[in-house]
């Protein structure tokens, strides 16, 4: 069975020009990026924008595709699911930051290097390359 999800690295520029990146804390306490399952009739890009809005309250503008991550997991019925997650660079346009508490514990805006630090400390390994690519495009080099 295959499942397709989409999400993104959401960023914004403050009035003073400072860049911030959005990170969420999932229900397991891990730092991650907003994402969710594709619904019938949606494109992966539409899925990414909808999921970001649902999970964080932010409306975004879809940028370039950063990466497609693939992995497997077992669902509640012990079936093996082939998961494909499409991550985009997304610029925040409007909205108030608000966590969808049914699915995530929290959401916050962070300075880019702080976002990287949190990803390294408490994030999923397969998000490292996604966040690294986004930060490089936004002008930040990380190791």
N, C-alpha and C. Protein backbone atom coordinates (compact mmCIF):
# COMPACT_ATOMS: atom_id res chain seq x y z
N UNK A 1 0.84 -1.18 0.00
CA UNK A 1 0.00 0.00 0.00
C UNK A 1 0.89 1.25 0.00
N UNK A 2 0.47 2.26 -0.77
CA UNK A 2 1.25 3.49 -0.88
C UNK A 2 0.45 4.66 -0.34
N UNK A 3 1.15 5.55 0.36
CA UNK A 3 0.52 6.75 0.91
C UNK A 3 1.38 7.95 0.51
N UNK A 4 0.73 8.98 -0.04
CA UNK A 4 1.44 10.19 -0.45
C UNK A 4 1.05 11.33 0.48
N UNK A 5 2.05 12.03 0.97
CA UNK A 5 1.86 13.20 1.82
C UNK A 5 2.67 14.35 1.24
N UNK A 6 2.35 15.55 1.71
CA UNK A 6 3.10 16.73 1.28
C UNK A 6 3.10 17.76 2.38
N UNK A 7 4.12 18.59 2.37
CA UNK A 7 4.27 19.64 3.36
C UNK A 7 5.38 20.57 2.95
N UNK A 8 5.93 21.27 3.92
CA UNK A 8 6.96 22.19 3.52
C UNK A 8 7.74 22.83 4.65
N UNK A 9 8.82 23.49 4.23
CA UNK A 9 9.59 24.36 5.10
C UNK A 9 9.01 25.75 4.87
N UNK A 10 8.31 26.25 5.89
CA UNK A 10 7.64 27.54 5.80
C UNK A 10 8.56 28.61 6.36
N UNK A 11 8.68 29.73 5.63
CA UNK A 11 9.52 30.84 6.10
C UNK A 11 8.78 32.15 5.94
N UNK A 12 9.26 33.15 6.69
CA UNK A 12 8.72 34.50 6.57
C UNK A 12 9.84 35.49 6.83
N UNK A 13 9.63 36.71 6.35
CA UNK A 13 10.55 37.80 6.64
C UNK A 13 9.84 38.79 7.54
N UNK A 14 10.52 39.16 8.63
CA UNK A 14 9.98 40.15 9.55
C UNK A 14 10.11 41.54 8.91
N UNK A 15 9.45 42.53 9.50
CA UNK A 15 9.52 43.89 8.98
C UNK A 15 10.95 44.41 8.92
N UNK A 16 11.79 43.95 9.85
CA UNK A 16 13.20 44.39 9.87
C UNK A 16 14.06 43.57 8.90
N UNK A 17 13.44 42.67 8.14
CA UNK A 17 14.16 41.87 7.17
C UNK A 17 14.66 40.54 7.68
N UNK A 18 14.56 40.31 8.99
CA UNK A 18 15.03 39.06 9.58
C UNK A 18 14.18 37.89 9.08
N UNK A 19 14.84 36.80 8.79
CA UNK A 19 14.18 35.61 8.28
C UNK A 19 13.85 34.68 9.44
N UNK A 20 12.66 34.05 9.38
CA UNK A 20 12.27 33.05 10.37
C UNK A 20 11.73 31.83 9.65
N UNK A 21 11.93 30.67 10.29
CA UNK A 21 11.50 29.39 9.76
C UNK A 21 10.54 28.76 10.76
N UNK A 22 9.50 28.14 10.24
CA UNK A 22 8.48 27.50 11.08
C UNK A 22 8.86 26.05 11.35
N UNK A 23 8.79 25.67 12.62
CA UNK A 23 8.99 24.27 13.00
C UNK A 23 7.82 23.87 13.90
N UNK A 24 7.43 22.61 13.81
CA UNK A 24 6.36 22.12 14.68
C UNK A 24 6.90 21.03 15.59
N UNK A 25 6.19 20.81 16.69
CA UNK A 25 6.46 19.68 17.55
C UNK A 25 5.29 18.73 17.38
N UNK A 26 5.58 17.51 16.95
CA UNK A 26 4.49 16.57 16.68
C UNK A 26 3.97 15.93 17.97
N UNK A 27 2.99 15.07 17.83
CA UNK A 27 2.36 14.47 19.02
C UNK A 27 3.31 13.54 19.77
N UNK A 28 4.43 13.18 19.16
CA UNK A 28 5.43 12.33 19.82
C UNK A 28 6.53 13.15 20.48
N UNK A 29 6.43 14.48 20.37
CA UNK A 29 7.43 15.36 20.97
C UNK A 29 8.62 15.65 20.08
N UNK A 30 8.59 15.17 18.85
CA UNK A 30 9.70 15.40 17.90
C UNK A 30 9.50 16.71 17.16
N UNK A 31 10.62 17.35 16.80
CA UNK A 31 10.59 18.56 15.99
C UNK A 31 10.49 18.13 14.53
N UNK A 32 9.59 18.76 13.78
CA UNK A 32 9.39 18.34 12.39
C UNK A 32 8.81 19.48 11.57
N UNK A 33 8.39 19.16 10.37
CA UNK A 33 7.81 20.10 9.42
C UNK A 33 6.34 19.75 9.21
N UNK A 34 5.54 20.76 8.95
CA UNK A 34 4.12 20.53 8.69
C UNK A 34 3.97 19.67 7.44
N UNK A 35 3.14 18.63 7.55
CA UNK A 35 2.86 17.77 6.40
C UNK A 35 1.62 16.95 6.69
N UNK A 36 1.05 16.36 5.64
CA UNK A 36 -0.09 15.49 5.82
C UNK A 36 -0.47 14.78 4.55
N UNK A 37 -1.46 13.91 4.67
CA UNK A 37 -1.86 13.04 3.57
C UNK A 37 -2.62 13.77 2.47
N UNK A 38 -2.36 13.35 1.25
CA UNK A 38 -3.05 13.89 0.08
C UNK A 38 -4.48 13.37 0.05
N UNK A 39 -5.42 14.26 -0.27
CA UNK A 39 -6.83 13.89 -0.39
C UNK A 39 -7.19 13.71 -1.86
N UNK A 40 -8.22 12.93 -2.15
CA UNK A 40 -8.61 12.71 -3.55
C UNK A 40 -8.84 14.02 -4.29
N UNK A 41 -8.31 14.11 -5.50
CA UNK A 41 -8.50 15.29 -6.34
C UNK A 41 -7.48 16.39 -6.12
N UNK A 42 -6.61 16.25 -5.13
CA UNK A 42 -5.60 17.27 -4.86
C UNK A 42 -4.31 16.96 -5.61
N UNK A 43 -3.57 18.01 -5.93
CA UNK A 43 -2.18 17.85 -6.37
C UNK A 43 -1.32 17.81 -5.11
N UNK A 44 -0.08 17.39 -5.24
CA UNK A 44 0.79 17.38 -4.06
C UNK A 44 1.03 18.80 -3.56
N UNK A 45 1.11 19.76 -4.45
CA UNK A 45 1.28 21.16 -4.05
C UNK A 45 0.09 21.68 -3.26
N UNK A 46 -1.10 21.34 -3.71
CA UNK A 46 -2.31 21.74 -2.97
C UNK A 46 -2.35 21.08 -1.60
N UNK A 47 -1.93 19.83 -1.53
CA UNK A 47 -1.87 19.12 -0.26
C UNK A 47 -0.92 19.84 0.70
N UNK A 48 0.25 20.20 0.22
CA UNK A 48 1.24 20.88 1.08
C UNK A 48 0.65 22.15 1.67
N UNK A 49 0.04 22.98 0.84
CA UNK A 49 -0.51 24.25 1.32
C UNK A 49 -1.68 24.04 2.28
N UNK A 50 -2.54 23.07 1.99
CA UNK A 50 -3.68 22.79 2.87
C UNK A 50 -3.20 22.29 4.23
N UNK A 51 -2.27 21.36 4.22
CA UNK A 51 -1.78 20.80 5.48
C UNK A 51 -1.07 21.85 6.33
N UNK A 52 -0.29 22.71 5.70
CA UNK A 52 0.38 23.78 6.44
C UNK A 52 -0.67 24.68 7.08
N UNK A 53 -1.70 25.04 6.34
CA UNK A 53 -2.75 25.90 6.88
C UNK A 53 -3.50 25.19 8.02
N UNK A 54 -3.86 23.92 7.81
CA UNK A 54 -4.60 23.19 8.84
C UNK A 54 -3.79 23.03 10.12
N UNK A 55 -2.50 22.69 9.99
CA UNK A 55 -1.69 22.40 11.16
C UNK A 55 -1.18 23.64 11.87
N UNK A 56 -0.98 24.75 11.12
CA UNK A 56 -0.31 25.91 11.72
C UNK A 56 -1.06 27.23 11.61
N UNK A 57 -2.15 27.28 10.84
CA UNK A 57 -2.89 28.53 10.69
C UNK A 57 -2.28 29.50 9.70
N UNK A 58 -1.25 29.07 8.97
CA UNK A 58 -0.54 29.96 8.04
C UNK A 58 -0.90 29.62 6.59
N UNK A 59 -1.26 30.66 5.83
CA UNK A 59 -1.48 30.52 4.39
C UNK A 59 -0.15 30.80 3.71
N UNK A 60 0.22 29.94 2.77
CA UNK A 60 1.53 30.09 2.14
C UNK A 60 1.47 30.14 0.63
N UNK A 61 2.61 30.51 0.06
CA UNK A 61 2.81 30.52 -1.38
C UNK A 61 3.83 29.43 -1.71
N UNK A 62 3.43 28.52 -2.58
CA UNK A 62 4.25 27.36 -2.90
C UNK A 62 5.48 27.75 -3.71
N UNK A 63 6.63 27.34 -3.22
CA UNK A 63 7.89 27.55 -3.92
C UNK A 63 8.36 26.25 -4.54
N UNK A 64 9.67 26.12 -4.66
CA UNK A 64 10.21 24.95 -5.34
C UNK A 64 10.13 23.68 -4.50
N UNK A 65 10.08 22.56 -5.20
CA UNK A 65 10.12 21.26 -4.54
C UNK A 65 11.53 21.07 -4.00
N UNK A 66 11.63 20.81 -2.69
CA UNK A 66 12.93 20.62 -2.06
C UNK A 66 13.40 19.18 -2.17
N UNK A 67 12.49 18.26 -1.87
CA UNK A 67 12.88 16.85 -1.84
C UNK A 67 11.65 15.98 -1.71
N UNK A 68 11.78 14.74 -2.16
CA UNK A 68 10.76 13.72 -1.92
C UNK A 68 11.42 12.65 -1.07
N UNK A 69 10.88 12.45 0.12
CA UNK A 69 11.41 11.47 1.09
C UNK A 69 10.55 10.22 0.98
N UNK A 70 11.19 9.06 0.99
CA UNK A 70 10.45 7.80 0.95
C UNK A 70 10.89 6.91 2.10
N UNK A 71 9.91 6.31 2.76
CA UNK A 71 10.20 5.37 3.84
C UNK A 71 9.01 4.44 4.01
N UNK A 72 9.17 3.45 4.89
CA UNK A 72 8.09 2.51 5.17
C UNK A 72 7.75 2.56 6.65
N UNK A 73 6.49 2.28 6.95
CA UNK A 73 6.06 2.14 8.34
C UNK A 73 4.93 1.13 8.40
N UNK A 74 4.64 0.66 9.61
CA UNK A 74 3.53 -0.27 9.82
C UNK A 74 2.35 0.49 10.40
N UNK A 75 1.17 0.28 9.82
CA UNK A 75 -0.02 0.95 10.34
C UNK A 75 -0.62 0.13 11.49
N UNK A 76 -1.77 0.58 11.99
CA UNK A 76 -2.41 -0.08 13.14
C UNK A 76 -2.76 -1.54 12.87
N UNK A 77 -2.95 -1.90 11.59
CA UNK A 77 -3.28 -3.28 11.21
C UNK A 77 -2.03 -4.10 10.87
N UNK A 78 -0.86 -3.56 11.19
CA UNK A 78 0.43 -4.21 10.91
C UNK A 78 0.70 -4.38 9.43
N UNK A 79 0.07 -3.56 8.60
CA UNK A 79 0.37 -3.55 7.17
C UNK A 79 1.56 -2.63 6.93
N UNK A 80 2.41 -3.02 5.99
CA UNK A 80 3.55 -2.18 5.62
C UNK A 80 3.07 -1.13 4.61
N UNK A 81 3.32 0.14 4.94
CA UNK A 81 2.91 1.26 4.09
C UNK A 81 4.16 1.89 3.48
N UNK A 82 4.17 2.05 2.16
CA UNK A 82 5.22 2.80 1.48
C UNK A 82 4.80 4.26 1.49
N UNK A 83 5.54 5.07 2.22
CA UNK A 83 5.21 6.48 2.40
C UNK A 83 6.10 7.33 1.52
N UNK A 84 5.49 8.31 0.84
CA UNK A 84 6.20 9.25 -0.03
C UNK A 84 5.79 10.65 0.42
N UNK A 85 6.76 11.47 0.85
CA UNK A 85 6.46 12.81 1.33
C UNK A 85 7.17 13.84 0.46
N UNK A 86 6.38 14.74 -0.13
CA UNK A 86 6.90 15.81 -0.98
C UNK A 86 7.02 17.07 -0.14
N UNK A 87 8.23 17.61 -0.04
CA UNK A 87 8.47 18.83 0.74
C UNK A 87 8.81 19.99 -0.18
N UNK A 88 8.11 21.10 0.03
CA UNK A 88 8.32 22.33 -0.75
C UNK A 88 8.85 23.44 0.14
N UNK A 89 9.46 24.43 -0.50
CA UNK A 89 9.77 25.68 0.18
C UNK A 89 8.52 26.54 0.08
N UNK A 90 8.01 27.04 1.19
CA UNK A 90 6.74 27.76 1.22
C UNK A 90 6.93 29.09 1.95
N UNK A 91 6.57 30.18 1.28
CA UNK A 91 6.63 31.49 1.92
C UNK A 91 5.30 31.80 2.58
N UNK A 92 5.35 32.18 3.86
CA UNK A 92 4.13 32.54 4.59
C UNK A 92 3.59 33.84 4.02
N UNK A 93 2.28 33.87 3.75
CA UNK A 93 1.63 35.06 3.21
C UNK A 93 0.76 35.73 4.27
N UNK A 94 -0.01 34.93 4.99
CA UNK A 94 -0.92 35.50 5.99
C UNK A 94 -1.27 34.44 7.02
N UNK A 95 -2.03 34.86 8.02
CA UNK A 95 -2.50 33.95 9.05
C UNK A 95 -1.82 34.19 10.38
N UNK A 96 -2.44 33.66 11.41
CA UNK A 96 -1.89 33.72 12.76
C UNK A 96 -1.43 32.32 13.15
N UNK A 97 -0.23 32.24 13.68
CA UNK A 97 0.33 30.96 14.08
C UNK A 97 -0.54 30.31 15.15
N UNK A 98 -1.06 29.13 14.83
CA UNK A 98 -1.95 28.43 15.75
C UNK A 98 -1.83 26.93 15.49
N UNK A 99 -1.42 26.19 16.50
CA UNK A 99 -1.23 24.75 16.35
C UNK A 99 -2.57 24.02 16.30
N UNK A 100 -2.67 23.05 15.40
CA UNK A 100 -3.83 22.17 15.33
C UNK A 100 -3.62 21.11 16.41
N UNK A 101 -4.16 21.37 17.60
CA UNK A 101 -3.82 20.55 18.76
C UNK A 101 -4.26 19.10 18.64
N UNK A 102 -5.16 18.78 17.73
CA UNK A 102 -5.55 17.38 17.54
C UNK A 102 -4.41 16.56 16.96
N UNK A 103 -3.50 17.22 16.23
CA UNK A 103 -2.44 16.49 15.54
C UNK A 103 -1.03 16.84 16.00
N UNK A 104 -0.82 18.06 16.49
CA UNK A 104 0.53 18.47 16.89
C UNK A 104 0.49 19.15 18.26
N UNK A 105 1.65 19.18 18.92
CA UNK A 105 1.74 19.80 20.24
C UNK A 105 1.98 21.30 20.17
N UNK A 106 2.70 21.75 19.14
CA UNK A 106 3.03 23.17 19.08
C UNK A 106 3.67 23.55 17.76
N UNK A 107 3.71 24.86 17.53
CA UNK A 107 4.33 25.41 16.32
C UNK A 107 4.96 26.75 16.70
N UNK A 108 6.13 27.03 16.11
CA UNK A 108 6.80 28.29 16.42
C UNK A 108 7.64 28.78 15.25
N UNK A 109 7.90 30.09 15.26
CA UNK A 109 8.81 30.72 14.32
C UNK A 109 10.18 30.78 14.99
N UNK A 110 11.21 30.38 14.27
CA UNK A 110 12.57 30.37 14.81
C UNK A 110 13.53 31.05 13.84
N UNK A 111 14.60 31.60 14.38
CA UNK A 111 15.69 32.08 13.53
C UNK A 111 16.23 30.84 12.81
N UNK A 112 16.70 30.98 11.57
CA UNK A 112 17.12 29.81 10.79
C UNK A 112 18.12 28.88 11.49
N UNK A 113 19.13 29.44 12.12
CA UNK A 113 20.12 28.58 12.77
C UNK A 113 19.56 27.92 14.03
N UNK A 114 18.61 28.56 14.69
CA UNK A 114 17.93 27.94 15.83
C UNK A 114 17.05 26.77 15.35
N UNK A 115 16.40 26.96 14.20
CA UNK A 115 15.59 25.89 13.63
C UNK A 115 16.48 24.68 13.32
N UNK A 116 17.65 24.94 12.74
CA UNK A 116 18.59 23.85 12.43
C UNK A 116 19.03 23.14 13.71
N UNK A 117 19.34 23.93 14.74
CA UNK A 117 19.77 23.36 16.02
C UNK A 117 18.68 22.45 16.60
N UNK A 118 17.44 22.90 16.59
CA UNK A 118 16.34 22.08 17.11
C UNK A 118 16.15 20.82 16.28
N UNK A 119 16.30 20.95 14.96
CA UNK A 119 16.20 19.78 14.08
C UNK A 119 17.27 18.76 14.44
N UNK A 120 18.48 19.23 14.68
CA UNK A 120 19.58 18.33 15.02
C UNK A 120 19.37 17.66 16.38
N UNK A 121 18.79 18.39 17.32
CA UNK A 121 18.60 17.87 18.68
C UNK A 121 17.41 16.93 18.80
N UNK A 122 16.30 17.27 18.13
CA UNK A 122 15.06 16.54 18.38
C UNK A 122 14.24 16.24 17.14
N UNK A 123 14.85 16.36 15.97
CA UNK A 123 14.12 16.13 14.73
C UNK A 123 14.30 14.73 14.17
N UNK A 124 13.53 14.43 13.15
CA UNK A 124 13.66 13.16 12.42
C UNK A 124 14.83 13.27 11.45
N UNK A 125 15.68 12.25 11.42
CA UNK A 125 16.87 12.28 10.57
C UNK A 125 16.55 12.55 9.11
N UNK A 126 15.42 12.00 8.62
CA UNK A 126 15.13 12.17 7.19
C UNK A 126 14.69 13.60 6.85
N UNK A 127 14.54 14.47 7.84
CA UNK A 127 14.25 15.89 7.56
C UNK A 127 15.50 16.75 7.49
N UNK A 128 16.66 16.19 7.87
CA UNK A 128 17.90 16.97 7.84
C UNK A 128 18.17 17.57 6.46
N UNK A 129 18.14 16.72 5.44
CA UNK A 129 18.48 17.20 4.10
C UNK A 129 17.44 18.18 3.57
N UNK A 130 16.18 17.99 3.95
CA UNK A 130 15.11 18.90 3.51
C UNK A 130 15.35 20.30 4.08
N UNK A 131 15.57 20.37 5.39
CA UNK A 131 15.79 21.66 6.03
C UNK A 131 17.09 22.29 5.56
N UNK A 132 18.13 21.47 5.39
CA UNK A 132 19.42 22.00 4.90
C UNK A 132 19.24 22.66 3.53
N UNK A 133 18.54 22.00 2.62
CA UNK A 133 18.32 22.57 1.28
C UNK A 133 17.54 23.87 1.35
N UNK A 134 16.50 23.90 2.19
CA UNK A 134 15.70 25.12 2.33
C UNK A 134 16.55 26.26 2.86
N UNK A 135 17.34 25.99 3.89
CA UNK A 135 18.18 27.04 4.48
C UNK A 135 19.22 27.53 3.48
N UNK A 136 19.78 26.63 2.69
CA UNK A 136 20.76 27.05 1.67
C UNK A 136 20.11 27.99 0.65
N UNK A 137 18.91 27.66 0.21
CA UNK A 137 18.20 28.52 -0.74
C UNK A 137 17.94 29.89 -0.12
N UNK A 138 17.68 29.89 1.19
CA UNK A 138 17.39 31.14 1.90
C UNK A 138 18.66 31.88 2.33
N UNK A 139 19.83 31.31 2.00
CA UNK A 139 21.10 32.00 2.25
C UNK A 139 21.83 31.62 3.53
N UNK A 140 21.50 30.46 4.11
CA UNK A 140 22.14 30.01 5.35
C UNK A 140 22.82 28.68 5.12
N UNK A 141 24.09 28.59 5.49
CA UNK A 141 24.84 27.33 5.38
C UNK A 141 24.87 26.66 6.74
N UNK A 142 24.58 25.38 6.77
CA UNK A 142 24.61 24.61 8.02
C UNK A 142 25.38 23.31 7.81
N UNK A 143 25.87 22.79 8.89
CA UNK A 143 26.61 21.50 8.85
C UNK A 143 25.83 20.44 9.56
